[in-house]
Amino acid sequence: MVQAMVDIGEHEDRILSIVKGKFGFKNKSDAVNFVISRFETELLEPELRPEFVQKIQRLEKKGKFTNYKTLSELRREIEDA
């Protein structure tokens, strides 16, 4: 376990107190760890939206390569996917 001394503002301290109380943590260190883990899951590696996954799956079913005669055909394919 790594220990760190951190300077935080009064507002941030209040937020940690709220998180600590809301989730029933024993101390603010647990609240900090919780906030960091939530940040990681929500902002650093967000999940793909289901619509996007379906769009990619439809494109994969059609095949990997498609020839287009005009740029407008390519645009139409992208917009309809």
PDB file of N, CA and C in Angstrom:
ATOM      1  N   MET A   1       0.845  -1.172   0.000  1.00  0.00           N
ATOM      2  CA  MET A   1       0.000   0.000   0.000  1.00  0.00           C
ATOM      3  C   MET A   1       0.888   1.233   0.000  1.00  0.00           C
ATOM      4  N   VAL A   2       0.507   2.193  -0.819  1.00  0.00           N
ATOM      5  CA  VAL A   2       1.234   3.449  -0.911  1.00  0.00           C
ATOM      6  C   VAL A   2       0.498   4.491  -0.089  1.00  0.00           C
ATOM      7  N   GLN A   3       1.261   5.259   0.656  1.00  0.00           N
ATOM      8  CA  GLN A   3       0.664   6.334   1.425  1.00  0.00           C
ATOM      9  C   GLN A   3       1.063   7.655   0.801  1.00  0.00           C
ATOM     10  N   ALA A   4       0.131   8.600   0.798  1.00  0.00           N
ATOM     11  CA  ALA A   4       0.403   9.907   0.215  1.00  0.00           C
ATOM     12  C   ALA A   4      -0.238  10.982   1.075  1.00  0.00           C
ATOM     13  N   MET A   5       0.463  12.077   1.196  1.00  0.00           N
ATOM     14  CA  MET A   5      -0.097  13.232   1.879  1.00  0.00           C
ATOM     15  C   MET A   5      -0.606  14.163   0.789  1.00  0.00           C
ATOM     16  N   VAL A   6      -1.897  14.479   0.838  1.00  0.00           N
ATOM     17  CA  VAL A   6      -2.525  15.248  -0.225  1.00  0.00           C
ATOM     18  C   VAL A   6      -3.163  16.498   0.351  1.00  0.00           C
ATOM     19  N   ASP A   7      -2.937  17.636  -0.305  1.00  0.00           N
ATOM     20  CA  ASP A   7      -3.593  18.881   0.084  1.00  0.00           C
ATOM     21  C   ASP A   7      -4.835  19.042  -0.788  1.00  0.00           C
ATOM     22  N   ILE A   8      -5.988  19.130  -0.144  1.00  0.00           N
ATOM     23  CA  ILE A   8      -7.229  19.347  -0.886  1.00  0.00           C
ATOM     24  C   ILE A   8      -7.945  20.548  -0.296  1.00  0.00           C
ATOM     25  N   GLY A   9      -8.790  21.134  -1.090  1.00  0.00           N
ATOM     26  CA  GLY A   9      -9.539  22.307  -0.642  1.00  0.00           C
ATOM     27  C   GLY A   9     -10.698  21.925   0.265  1.00  0.00           C
ATOM     28  N   GLU A  10     -11.304  22.949   0.835  1.00  0.00           N
ATOM     29  CA  GLU A  10     -12.424  22.731   1.757  1.00  0.00           C
ATOM     30  C   GLU A  10     -13.612  22.093   1.035  1.00  0.00           C
ATOM     31  N   HIS A  11     -13.875  22.543  -0.179  1.00  0.00           N
ATOM     32  CA  HIS A  11     -14.989  21.991  -0.956  1.00  0.00           C
ATOM     33  C   HIS A  11     -14.772  20.505  -1.253  1.00  0.00           C
ATOM     34  N   GLU A  12     -13.554  20.167  -1.670  1.00  0.00           N
ATOM     35  CA  GLU A  12     -13.236  18.772  -1.973  1.00  0.00           C
ATOM     36  C   GLU A  12     -13.329  17.906  -0.726  1.00  0.00           C
ATOM     37  N   ASP A  13     -12.939  18.472   0.427  1.00  0.00           N
ATOM     38  CA  ASP A  13     -13.038  17.741   1.689  1.00  0.00           C
ATOM     39  C   ASP A  13     -14.501  17.457   2.029  1.00  0.00           C
ATOM     40  N   ARG A  14     -15.370  18.414   1.759  1.00  0.00           N
ATOM     41  CA  ARG A  14     -16.801  18.215   2.011  1.00  0.00           C
ATOM     42  C   ARG A  14     -17.352  17.114   1.102  1.00  0.00           C
ATOM     43  N   ILE A  15     -16.924  17.131  -0.152  1.00  0.00           N
ATOM     44  CA  ILE A  15     -17.374  16.098  -1.077  1.00  0.00           C
ATOM     45  C   ILE A  15     -16.927  14.719  -0.602  1.00  0.00           C
ATOM     46  N   LEU A  16     -15.683  14.602  -0.164  1.00  0.00           N
ATOM     47  CA  LEU A  16     -15.207  13.315   0.358  1.00  0.00           C
ATOM     48  C   LEU A  16     -16.016  12.882   1.578  1.00  0.00           C
ATOM     49  N   SER A  17     -16.373  13.839   2.427  1.00  0.00           N
ATOM     50  CA  SER A  17     -17.190  13.501   3.597  1.00  0.00           C
ATOM     51  C   SER A  17     -18.560  12.985   3.180  1.00  0.00           C
ATOM     52  N   ILE A  18     -19.133  13.602   2.151  1.00  0.00           N
ATOM     53  CA  ILE A  18     -20.437  13.157   1.650  1.00  0.00           C
ATOM     54  C   ILE A  18     -20.331  11.752   1.069  1.00  0.00           C
ATOM     55  N   VAL A  19     -19.292  11.518   0.258  1.00  0.00           N
ATOM     56  CA  VAL A  19     -19.087  10.188  -0.333  1.00  0.00           C
ATOM     57  C   VAL A  19     -18.878   9.162   0.769  1.00  0.00           C
ATOM     58  N   LYS A  20     -18.094   9.513   1.754  1.00  0.00           N
ATOM     59  CA  LYS A  20     -17.830   8.609   2.888  1.00  0.00           C
ATOM     60  C   LYS A  20     -19.129   8.232   3.589  1.00  0.00           C
ATOM     61  N   GLY A  21     -19.978   9.211   3.854  1.00  0.00           N
ATOM     62  CA  GLY A  21     -21.240   8.940   4.539  1.00  0.00           C
ATOM     63  C   GLY A  21     -22.243   8.199   3.670  1.00  0.00           C
ATOM     64  N   LYS A  22     -22.320   8.597   2.405  1.00  0.00           N
ATOM     65  CA  LYS A  22     -23.313   8.002   1.512  1.00  0.00           C
ATOM     66  C   LYS A  22     -23.054   6.524   1.277  1.00  0.00           C
ATOM     67  N   PHE A  23     -21.788   6.147   1.136  1.00  0.00           N
ATOM     68  CA  PHE A  23     -21.452   4.759   0.835  1.00  0.00           C
ATOM     69  C   PHE A  23     -20.985   3.979   2.061  1.00  0.00           C
ATOM     70  N   GLY A  24     -20.980   4.617   3.227  1.00  0.00           N
ATOM     71  CA  GLY A  24     -20.679   3.932   4.474  1.00  0.00           C
ATOM     72  C   GLY A  24     -19.224   3.518   4.647  1.00  0.00           C
ATOM     73  N   PHE A  25     -18.303   4.334   4.145  1.00  0.00           N
ATOM     74  CA  PHE A  25     -16.884   4.016   4.315  1.00  0.00           C
ATOM     75  C   PHE A  25     -16.422   4.365   5.718  1.00  0.00           C
ATOM     76  N   LYS A  26     -15.376   3.671   6.167  1.00  0.00           N
ATOM     77  CA  LYS A  26     -14.853   3.900   7.514  1.00  0.00           C
ATOM     78  C   LYS A  26     -14.074   5.207   7.605  1.00  0.00           C
ATOM     79  N   ASN A  27     -13.372   5.544   6.524  1.00  0.00           N
ATOM     80  CA  ASN A  27     -12.546   6.745   6.548  1.00  0.00           C
ATOM     81  C   ASN A  27     -12.504   7.394   5.162  1.00  0.00           C
ATOM     82  N   LYS A  28     -11.885   8.561   5.095  1.00  0.00           N
ATOM     83  CA  LYS A  28     -11.824   9.285   3.830  1.00  0.00           C
ATOM     84  C   LYS A  28     -10.887   8.618   2.839  1.00  0.00           C
ATOM     85  N   SER A  29      -9.950   7.841   3.324  1.00  0.00           N
ATOM     86  CA  SER A  29      -9.067   7.107   2.423  1.00  0.00           C
ATOM     87  C   SER A  29      -9.867   6.139   1.564  1.00  0.00           C
ATOM     88  N   ASP A  30     -10.839   5.460   2.176  1.00  0.00           N
ATOM     89  CA  ASP A  30     -11.715   4.568   1.412  1.00  0.00           C
ATOM     90  C   ASP A  30     -12.539   5.357   0.400  1.00  0.00           C
ATOM     91  N   ALA A  31     -12.974   6.549   0.795  1.00  0.00           N
ATOM     92  CA  ALA A  31     -13.751   7.396  -0.113  1.00  0.00           C
ATOM     93  C   ALA A  31     -12.899   7.838  -1.303  1.00  0.00           C
ATOM     94  N   VAL A  32     -11.660   8.187  -1.057  1.00  0.00           N
ATOM     95  CA  VAL A  32     -10.751   8.580  -2.138  1.00  0.00           C
ATOM     96  C   VAL A  32     -10.545   7.411  -3.094  1.00  0.00           C
ATOM     97  N   ASN A  33     -10.304   6.227  -2.556  1.00  0.00           N
ATOM     98  CA  ASN A  33     -10.113   5.051  -3.407  1.00  0.00           C
ATOM     99  C   ASN A  33     -11.357   4.776  -4.253  1.00  0.00           C
ATOM    100  N   PHE A  34     -12.536   4.958  -3.661  1.00  0.00           N
ATOM    101  CA  PHE A  34     -13.780   4.755  -4.385  1.00  0.00           C
ATOM    102  C   PHE A  34     -13.919   5.758  -5.537  1.00  0.00           C
ATOM    103  N   VAL A  35     -13.651   7.024  -5.246  1.00  0.00           N
ATOM    104  CA  VAL A  35     -13.759   8.064  -6.269  1.00  0.00           C
ATOM    105  C   VAL A  35     -12.777   7.793  -7.408  1.00  0.00           C
ATOM    106  N   ILE A  36     -11.580   7.370  -7.078  1.00  0.00           N
ATOM    107  CA  ILE A  36     -10.582   7.069  -8.107  1.00  0.00           C
ATOM    108  C   ILE A  36     -11.031   5.891  -8.966  1.00  0.00           C
ATOM    109  N   SER A  37     -11.569   4.857  -8.349  1.00  0.00           N
ATOM    110  CA  SER A  37     -12.004   3.702  -9.132  1.00  0.00           C
ATOM    111  C   SER A  37     -13.188   4.064 -10.023  1.00  0.00           C
ATOM    112  N   ARG A  38     -14.097   4.901  -9.541  1.00  0.00           N
ATOM    113  CA  ARG A  38     -15.223   5.353 -10.374  1.00  0.00           C
ATOM    114  C   ARG A  38     -14.723   6.179 -11.550  1.00  0.00           C
ATOM    115  N   PHE A  39     -13.744   7.035 -11.302  1.00  0.00           N
ATOM    116  CA  PHE A  39     -13.167   7.844 -12.371  1.00  0.00           C
ATOM    117  C   PHE A  39     -12.574   6.938 -13.439  1.00  0.00           C
ATOM    118  N   GLU A  40     -11.874   5.911 -12.998  1.00  0.00           N
ATOM    119  CA  GLU A  40     -11.242   4.984 -13.937  1.00  0.00           C
ATOM    120  C   GLU A  40     -12.273   4.303 -14.824  1.00  0.00           C
ATOM    121  N   THR A  41     -13.329   3.770 -14.230  1.00  0.00           N
ATOM    122  CA  THR A  41     -14.300   3.012 -15.017  1.00  0.00           C
ATOM    123  C   THR A  41     -15.149   3.908 -15.909  1.00  0.00           C
ATOM    124  N   GLU A  42     -15.439   5.125 -15.475  1.00  0.00           N
ATOM    125  CA  GLU A  42     -16.334   5.975 -16.248  1.00  0.00           C
ATOM    126  C   GLU A  42     -15.628   6.847 -17.265  1.00  0.00           C
ATOM    127  N   LEU A  43     -14.424   7.274 -16.990  1.00  0.00           N
ATOM    128  CA  LEU A  43     -13.779   8.225 -17.883  1.00  0.00           C
ATOM    129  C   LEU A  43     -12.589   7.663 -18.654  1.00  0.00           C
ATOM    130  N   LEU A  44     -11.826   6.806 -18.050  1.00  0.00           N
ATOM    131  CA  LEU A  44     -10.630   6.340 -18.729  1.00  0.00           C
ATOM    132  C   LEU A  44     -10.911   5.261 -19.755  1.00  0.00           C
ATOM    133  N   GLU A  45     -11.797   4.332 -19.454  1.00  0.00           N
ATOM    134  CA  GLU A  45     -12.105   3.252 -20.379  1.00  0.00           C
ATOM    135  C   GLU A  45     -13.622   3.061 -20.462  1.00  0.00           C
ATOM    136  N   PRO A  46     -14.298   4.010 -21.095  1.00  0.00           N
ATOM    137  CA  PRO A  46     -15.749   3.862 -21.181  1.00  0.00           C
ATOM    138  C   PRO A  46     -16.138   2.707 -22.103  1.00  0.00           C
ATOM    139  N   GLU A  47     -17.282   2.097 -21.823  1.00  0.00           N
ATOM    140  CA  GLU A  47     -17.768   1.011 -22.659  1.00  0.00           C
ATOM    141  C   GLU A  47     -18.335   1.585 -23.945  1.00  0.00           C
ATOM    142  N   LEU A  48     -18.361   0.762 -24.966  1.00  0.00           N
ATOM    143  CA  LEU A  48     -18.926   1.191 -26.236  1.00  0.00           C
ATOM    144  C   LEU A  48     -20.443   1.227 -26.140  1.00  0.00           C
ATOM    145  N   ARG A  49     -21.039   2.215 -26.775  1.00  0.00           N
ATOM    146  CA  ARG A  49     -22.494   2.308 -26.790  1.00  0.00           C
ATOM    147  C   ARG A  49     -23.057   1.144 -27.587  1.00  0.00           C
ATOM    148  N   PRO A  50     -24.181   0.576 -27.158  1.00  0.00           N
ATOM    149  CA  PRO A  50     -24.779  -0.565 -27.866  1.00  0.00           C
ATOM    150  C   PRO A  50     -25.084  -0.266 -29.333  1.00  0.00           C
ATOM    151  N   GLU A  51     -25.474   0.985 -29.639  1.00  0.00           N
ATOM    152  CA  GLU A  51     -25.763   1.343 -31.028  1.00  0.00           C
ATOM    153  C   GLU A  51     -24.513   1.218 -31.889  1.00  0.00           C
ATOM    154  N   PHE A  52     -23.385   1.643 -31.326  1.00  0.00           N
ATOM    155  CA  PHE A  52     -22.130   1.576 -32.074  1.00  0.00           C
ATOM    156  C   PHE A  52     -21.728   0.126 -32.306  1.00  0.00           C
ATOM    157  N   VAL A  53     -21.899  -0.725 -31.307  1.00  0.00           N
ATOM    158  CA  VAL A  53     -21.556  -2.139 -31.444  1.00  0.00           C
ATOM    159  C   VAL A  53     -22.412  -2.780 -32.529  1.00  0.00           C
ATOM    160  N   GLN A  54     -23.704  -2.476 -32.543  1.00  0.00           N
ATOM    161  CA  GLN A  54     -24.586  -3.022 -33.568  1.00  0.00           C
ATOM    162  C   GLN A  54     -24.187  -2.537 -34.952  1.00  0.00           C
ATOM    163  N   LYS A  55     -23.798  -1.273 -35.049  1.00  0.00           N
ATOM    164  CA  LYS A  55     -23.374  -0.708 -36.318  1.00  0.00           C
ATOM    165  C   LYS A  55     -22.143  -1.438 -36.853  1.00  0.00           C
ATOM    166  N   ILE A  56     -21.175  -1.679 -36.001  1.00  0.00           N
ATOM    167  CA  ILE A  56     -19.953  -2.383 -36.390  1.00  0.00           C
ATOM    168  C   ILE A  56     -20.273  -3.822 -36.779  1.00  0.00           C
ATOM    169  N   GLN A  57     -21.156  -4.471 -36.041  1.00  0.00           N
ATOM    170  CA  GLN A  57     -21.523  -5.855 -36.364  1.00  0.00           C
ATOM    171  C   GLN A  57     -22.193  -5.940 -37.733  1.00  0.00           C
ATOM    172  N   ARG A  58     -23.051  -4.965 -38.056  1.00  0.00           N
ATOM    173  CA  ARG A  58     -23.678  -4.948 -39.387  1.00  0.00           C
ATOM    174  C   ARG A  58     -22.640  -4.772 -40.482  1.00  0.00           C
ATOM    175  N   LEU A  59     -21.669  -3.903 -40.240  1.00  0.00           N
ATOM    176  CA  LEU A  59     -20.617  -3.696 -41.232  1.00  0.00           C
ATOM    177  C   LEU A  59     -19.765  -4.949 -41.411  1.00  0.00           C
ATOM    178  N   GLU A  60     -19.496  -5.657 -40.319  1.00  0.00           N
ATOM    179  CA  GLU A  60     -18.698  -6.872 -40.405  1.00  0.00           C
ATOM    180  C   GLU A  60     -19.416  -7.965 -41.190  1.00  0.00           C
ATOM    181  N   LYS A  61     -20.741  -8.039 -41.071  1.00  0.00           N
ATOM    182  CA  LYS A  61     -21.502  -9.051 -41.796  1.00  0.00           C
ATOM    183  C   LYS A  61     -21.450  -8.824 -43.305  1.00  0.00           C
ATOM    184  N   LYS A  62     -21.398  -7.567 -43.721  1.00  0.00           N
ATOM    185  CA  LYS A  62     -21.381  -7.251 -45.140  1.00  0.00           C
ATOM    186  C   LYS A  62     -20.059  -7.660 -45.796  1.00  0.00           C
ATOM    187  N   GLY A  63     -19.011  -7.742 -45.038  1.00  0.00           N
ATOM    188  CA  GLY A  63     -17.708  -8.073 -45.595  1.00  0.00           C
ATOM    189  C   GLY A  63     -16.708  -6.984 -45.258  1.00  0.00           C
ATOM    190  N   LYS A  64     -15.456  -7.314 -45.457  1.00  0.00           N
ATOM    191  CA  LYS A  64     -14.413  -6.373 -45.057  1.00  0.00           C
ATOM    192  C   LYS A  64     -14.161  -5.299 -46.102  1.00  0.00           C
ATOM    193  N   PHE A  65     -14.266  -5.638 -47.395  1.00  0.00           N
ATOM    194  CA  PHE A  65     -13.904  -4.687 -48.432  1.00  0.00           C
ATOM    195  C   PHE A  65     -15.077  -4.440 -49.371  1.00  0.00           C
ATOM    196  N   THR A  66     -15.261  -3.185 -49.725  1.00  0.00           N
ATOM    197  CA  THR A  66     -16.310  -2.802 -50.653  1.00  0.00           C
ATOM    198  C   THR A  66     -15.720  -1.784 -51.623  1.00  0.00           C
ATOM    199  N   ASN A  67     -16.035  -1.936 -52.894  1.00  0.00           N
ATOM    200  CA  ASN A  67     -15.581  -0.977 -53.896  1.00  0.00           C
ATOM    201  C   ASN A  67     -16.660   0.063 -54.112  1.00  0.00           C
ATOM    202  N   TYR A  68     -16.264   1.305 -54.192  1.00  0.00           N
ATOM    203  CA  TYR A  68     -17.189   2.408 -54.419  1.00  0.00           C
ATOM    204  C   TYR A  68     -16.804   3.112 -55.707  1.00  0.00           C
ATOM    205  N   LYS A  69     -17.805   3.451 -56.489  1.00  0.00           N
ATOM    206  CA  LYS A  69     -17.554   4.146 -57.753  1.00  0.00           C
ATOM    207  C   LYS A  69     -17.438   5.645 -57.544  1.00  0.00           C
ATOM    208  N   THR A  70     -18.176   6.152 -56.546  1.00  0.00           N
ATOM    209  CA  THR A  70     -18.140   7.586 -56.277  1.00  0.00           C
ATOM    210  C   THR A  70     -18.032   7.825 -54.772  1.00  0.00           C
ATOM    211  N   LEU A  71     -17.624   9.009 -54.463  1.00  0.00           N
ATOM    212  CA  LEU A  71     -17.521   9.398 -53.052  1.00  0.00           C
ATOM    213  C   LEU A  71     -18.901   9.458 -52.408  1.00  0.00           C
ATOM    214  N   SER A  72     -19.921   9.821 -53.172  1.00  0.00           N
ATOM    215  CA  SER A  72     -21.277   9.891 -52.617  1.00  0.00           C
ATOM    216  C   SER A  72     -21.782   8.509 -52.206  1.00  0.00           C
ATOM    217  N   GLU A  73     -21.375   7.446 -52.917  1.00  0.00           N
ATOM    218  CA  GLU A  73     -21.740   6.084 -52.511  1.00  0.00           C
ATOM    219  C   GLU A  73     -21.124   5.742 -51.157  1.00  0.00           C
ATOM    220  N   LEU A  74     -19.881   6.130 -50.979  1.00  0.00           N
ATOM    221  CA  LEU A  74     -19.203   5.881 -49.695  1.00  0.00           C
ATOM    222  C   LEU A  74     -19.898   6.646 -48.576  1.00  0.00           C
ATOM    223  N   ARG A  75     -20.228   7.894 -48.812  1.00  0.00           N
ATOM    224  CA  ARG A  75     -20.910   8.690 -47.788  1.00  0.00           C
ATOM    225  C   ARG A  75     -22.257   8.068 -47.429  1.00  0.00           C
ATOM    226  N   ARG A  76     -23.001   7.622 -48.438  1.00  0.00           N
ATOM    227  CA  ARG A  76     -24.304   7.007 -48.213  1.00  0.00           C
ATOM    228  C   ARG A  76     -24.146   5.743 -47.358  1.00  0.00           C
ATOM    229  N   GLU A  77     -23.137   4.939 -47.646  1.00  0.00           N
ATOM    230  CA  GLU A  77     -22.874   3.708 -46.895  1.00  0.00           C
ATOM    231  C   GLU A  77     -22.546   4.022 -45.439  1.00  0.00           C
ATOM    232  N   ILE A  78     -21.746   5.040 -45.216  1.00  0.00           N
ATOM    233  CA  ILE A  78     -21.349   5.422 -43.855  1.00  0.00           C
ATOM    234  C   ILE A  78     -22.552   5.934 -43.077  1.00  0.00           C
ATOM    235  N   GLU A  79     -23.369   6.766 -43.711  1.00  0.00           N
ATOM    236  CA  GLU A  79     -24.517   7.357 -43.026  1.00  0.00           C
ATOM    237  C   GLU A  79     -25.598   6.329 -42.737  1.00  0.00           C
ATOM    238  N   ASP A  80     -25.741   5.312 -43.578  1.00  0.00           N
ATOM    239  CA  ASP A  80     -26.778   4.290 -43.389  1.00  0.00           C
ATOM    240  C   ASP A  80     -26.349   3.175 -42.449  1.00  0.00           C
ATOM    241  N   ALA A  81     -25.065   3.123 -42.112  1.00  0.00           N
ATOM    242  CA  ALA A  81     -24.566   2.017 -41.283  1.00  0.00           C
ATOM    243  C   ALA A  81     -25.102   2.079 -39.892  1.00  0.00           C
TER     244      ALA A  81
END
